[in-house]
């Protein structure tokens, strides 16, 4: 699965994690210092939802920001019952 929103195109972004050591000055120390910076990825919050796409209902991977904006058209709820299984 590509970690990409099918509506907005939102994907992973680059970033870094900063490691610090020491005690903050306002807590009585001599201040914190950066000891290492490591690379990391910020992944979008993707959800698999049923949506109406080109007139048909299918599952799509969508970012939650797109869900909040109302970019997803949800399919209508089923009102009919499944057919009873034939008993032999």
C-alpha atoms as a PDB file:
ATOM      1  CA  UNK A   1       0.000   0.000   0.000  1.00  0.00           C
ATOM      2  CA  UNK A   2       1.371   3.397  -0.954  1.00  0.00           C
ATOM      3  CA  UNK A   3       0.985   5.682   2.044  1.00  0.00           C
ATOM      4  CA  UNK A   4      -0.820   8.299   0.028  1.00  0.00           C
ATOM      5  CA  UNK A   5      -4.295   9.794   0.281  1.00  0.00           C
ATOM      6  CA  UNK A   6      -6.291   8.977  -2.861  1.00  0.00           C
ATOM      7  CA  UNK A   7      -8.148  12.305  -2.725  1.00  0.00           C
ATOM      8  CA  UNK A   8      -5.632  14.904  -1.549  1.00  0.00           C
ATOM      9  CA  UNK A   9      -2.366  13.210  -2.521  1.00  0.00           C
ATOM     10  CA  UNK A  10      -1.020  13.717   0.997  1.00  0.00           C
ATOM     11  CA  UNK A  11       1.957  11.423   1.649  1.00  0.00           C
ATOM     12  CA  UNK A  12       4.874  10.927   4.045  1.00  0.00           C
ATOM     13  CA  UNK A  13       7.029  13.934   4.940  1.00  0.00           C
ATOM     14  CA  UNK A  14      10.615  14.111   6.127  1.00  0.00           C
ATOM     15  CA  UNK A  15      11.604  15.356   9.523  1.00  0.00           C
ATOM     16  CA  UNK A  16      14.027  14.788  12.336  1.00  0.00           C
ATOM     17  CA  UNK A  17      14.040  13.700  15.943  1.00  0.00           C
ATOM     18  CA  UNK A  18      16.252  15.814  18.170  1.00  0.00           C
ATOM     19  CA  UNK A  19      17.924  14.113  21.143  1.00  0.00           C
ATOM     20  CA  UNK A  20      18.692  16.419  24.051  1.00  0.00           C
ATOM     21  CA  UNK A  21      20.527  15.917  27.309  1.00  0.00           C
ATOM     22  CA  UNK A  22      20.962  18.061  30.378  1.00  0.00           C
ATOM     23  CA  UNK A  23      18.713  19.858  32.800  1.00  0.00           C
ATOM     24  CA  UNK A  24      16.808  23.010  31.825  1.00  0.00           C
ATOM     25  CA  UNK A  25      18.110  26.293  33.247  1.00  0.00           C
ATOM     26  CA  UNK A  26      14.802  27.167  34.850  1.00  0.00           C
ATOM     27  CA  UNK A  27      14.948  23.830  36.704  1.00  0.00           C
ATOM     28  CA  UNK A  28      18.376  24.626  38.127  1.00  0.00           C
ATOM     29  CA  UNK A  29      20.618  23.066  35.480  1.00  0.00           C
ATOM     30  CA  UNK A  30      23.121  24.520  33.036  1.00  0.00           C
ATOM     31  CA  UNK A  31      20.791  24.091  30.048  1.00  0.00           C
ATOM     32  CA  UNK A  32      19.955  21.335  27.591  1.00  0.00           C
ATOM     33  CA  UNK A  33      22.223  20.464  24.687  1.00  0.00           C
ATOM     34  CA  UNK A  34      21.511  18.658  21.427  1.00  0.00           C
ATOM     35  CA  UNK A  35      23.453  15.398  21.308  1.00  0.00           C
ATOM     36  CA  UNK A  36      22.076  13.828  18.110  1.00  0.00           C
ATOM     37  CA  UNK A  37      19.644  14.422  15.271  1.00  0.00           C
ATOM     38  CA  UNK A  38      18.155  11.380  13.543  1.00  0.00           C
ATOM     39  CA  UNK A  39      15.967  11.321  10.461  1.00  0.00           C
ATOM     40  CA  UNK A  40      12.351  10.191  10.672  1.00  0.00           C
ATOM     41  CA  UNK A  41       9.147  10.178   8.613  1.00  0.00           C
ATOM     42  CA  UNK A  42       5.839  11.791   9.448  1.00  0.00           C
ATOM     43  CA  UNK A  43       3.115   9.539   8.007  1.00  0.00           C
ATOM     44  CA  UNK A  44      -0.371  10.808   7.138  1.00  0.00           C
ATOM     45  CA  UNK A  45      -3.284   9.487   9.166  1.00  0.00           C
ATOM     46  CA  UNK A  46      -4.912   7.288   6.523  1.00  0.00           C
ATOM     47  CA  UNK A  47      -8.201   5.470   7.034  1.00  0.00           C
ATOM     48  CA  UNK A  48      -9.783   2.840   4.783  1.00  0.00           C
ATOM     49  CA  UNK A  49     -13.349   3.968   4.122  1.00  0.00           C
ATOM     50  CA  UNK A  50     -16.152   3.040   1.746  1.00  0.00           C
ATOM     51  CA  UNK A  51     -16.807   5.855  -0.698  1.00  0.00           C
ATOM     52  CA  UNK A  52     -18.713   6.485  -3.902  1.00  0.00           C
ATOM     53  CA  UNK A  53     -16.107   6.912  -6.657  1.00  0.00           C
ATOM     54  CA  UNK A  54     -17.253   7.431 -10.262  1.00  0.00           C
ATOM     55  CA  UNK A  55     -20.724   6.127  -9.395  1.00  0.00           C
ATOM     56  CA  UNK A  56     -19.568   2.880  -7.774  1.00  0.00           C
ATOM     57  CA  UNK A  57     -18.924   2.004  -4.135  1.00  0.00           C
ATOM     58  CA  UNK A  58     -15.364   0.989  -3.296  1.00  0.00           C
ATOM     59  CA  UNK A  59     -12.829   1.168  -0.499  1.00  0.00           C
ATOM     60  CA  UNK A  60     -10.309   4.012  -0.632  1.00  0.00           C
ATOM     61  CA  UNK A  61      -7.441   5.119   1.582  1.00  0.00           C
ATOM     62  CA  UNK A  62      -8.199   8.676   2.689  1.00  0.00           C
ATOM     63  CA  UNK A  63      -6.491  11.096   5.070  1.00  0.00           C
ATOM     64  CA  UNK A  64      -8.557  12.072   8.099  1.00  0.00           C
ATOM     65  CA  UNK A  65      -8.206  15.727   7.119  1.00  0.00           C
ATOM     66  CA  UNK A  66     -10.095  14.911   3.887  1.00  0.00           C
ATOM     67  CA  UNK A  67     -12.809  13.160   5.923  1.00  0.00           C
ATOM     68  CA  UNK A  68     -13.172  16.215   8.169  1.00  0.00           C
ATOM     69  CA  UNK A  69     -13.414  18.536   5.153  1.00  0.00           C
ATOM     70  CA  UNK A  70     -16.235  16.410   3.742  1.00  0.00           C
ATOM     71  CA  UNK A  71     -14.413  15.412   0.544  1.00  0.00           C
ATOM     72  CA  UNK A  72     -15.659  11.813   0.838  1.00  0.00           C
ATOM     73  CA  UNK A  73     -19.140  10.863  -0.370  1.00  0.00           C
ATOM     74  CA  UNK A  74     -20.310   7.952   1.768  1.00  0.00           C
ATOM     75  CA  UNK A  75     -22.558   5.322   0.164  1.00  0.00           C
ATOM     76  CA  UNK A  76     -26.204   5.049   1.284  1.00  0.00           C
ATOM     77  CA  UNK A  77     -26.961   2.584   4.080  1.00  0.00           C
ATOM     78  CA  UNK A  78     -28.426  -0.790   3.146  1.00  0.00           C
ATOM     79  CA  UNK A  79     -32.114  -1.121   3.942  1.00  0.00           C
ATOM     80  CA  UNK A  80     -32.790  -4.591   2.569  1.00  0.00           C
ATOM     81  CA  UNK A  81     -32.059  -7.907   4.250  1.00  0.00           C
ATOM     82  CA  UNK A  82     -29.766 -10.564   2.843  1.00  0.00           C
ATOM     83  CA  UNK A  83     -31.526 -13.493   1.194  1.00  0.00           C
ATOM     84  CA  UNK A  84     -32.207 -16.418   3.520  1.00  0.00           C
ATOM     85  CA  UNK A  85     -29.920 -19.377   2.945  1.00  0.00           C
ATOM     86  CA  UNK A  86     -31.694 -22.411   1.435  1.00  0.00           C
ATOM     87  CA  UNK A  87     -32.121 -25.170   4.023  1.00  0.00           C
ATOM     88  CA  UNK A  88     -31.778 -28.720   2.746  1.00  0.00           C
END
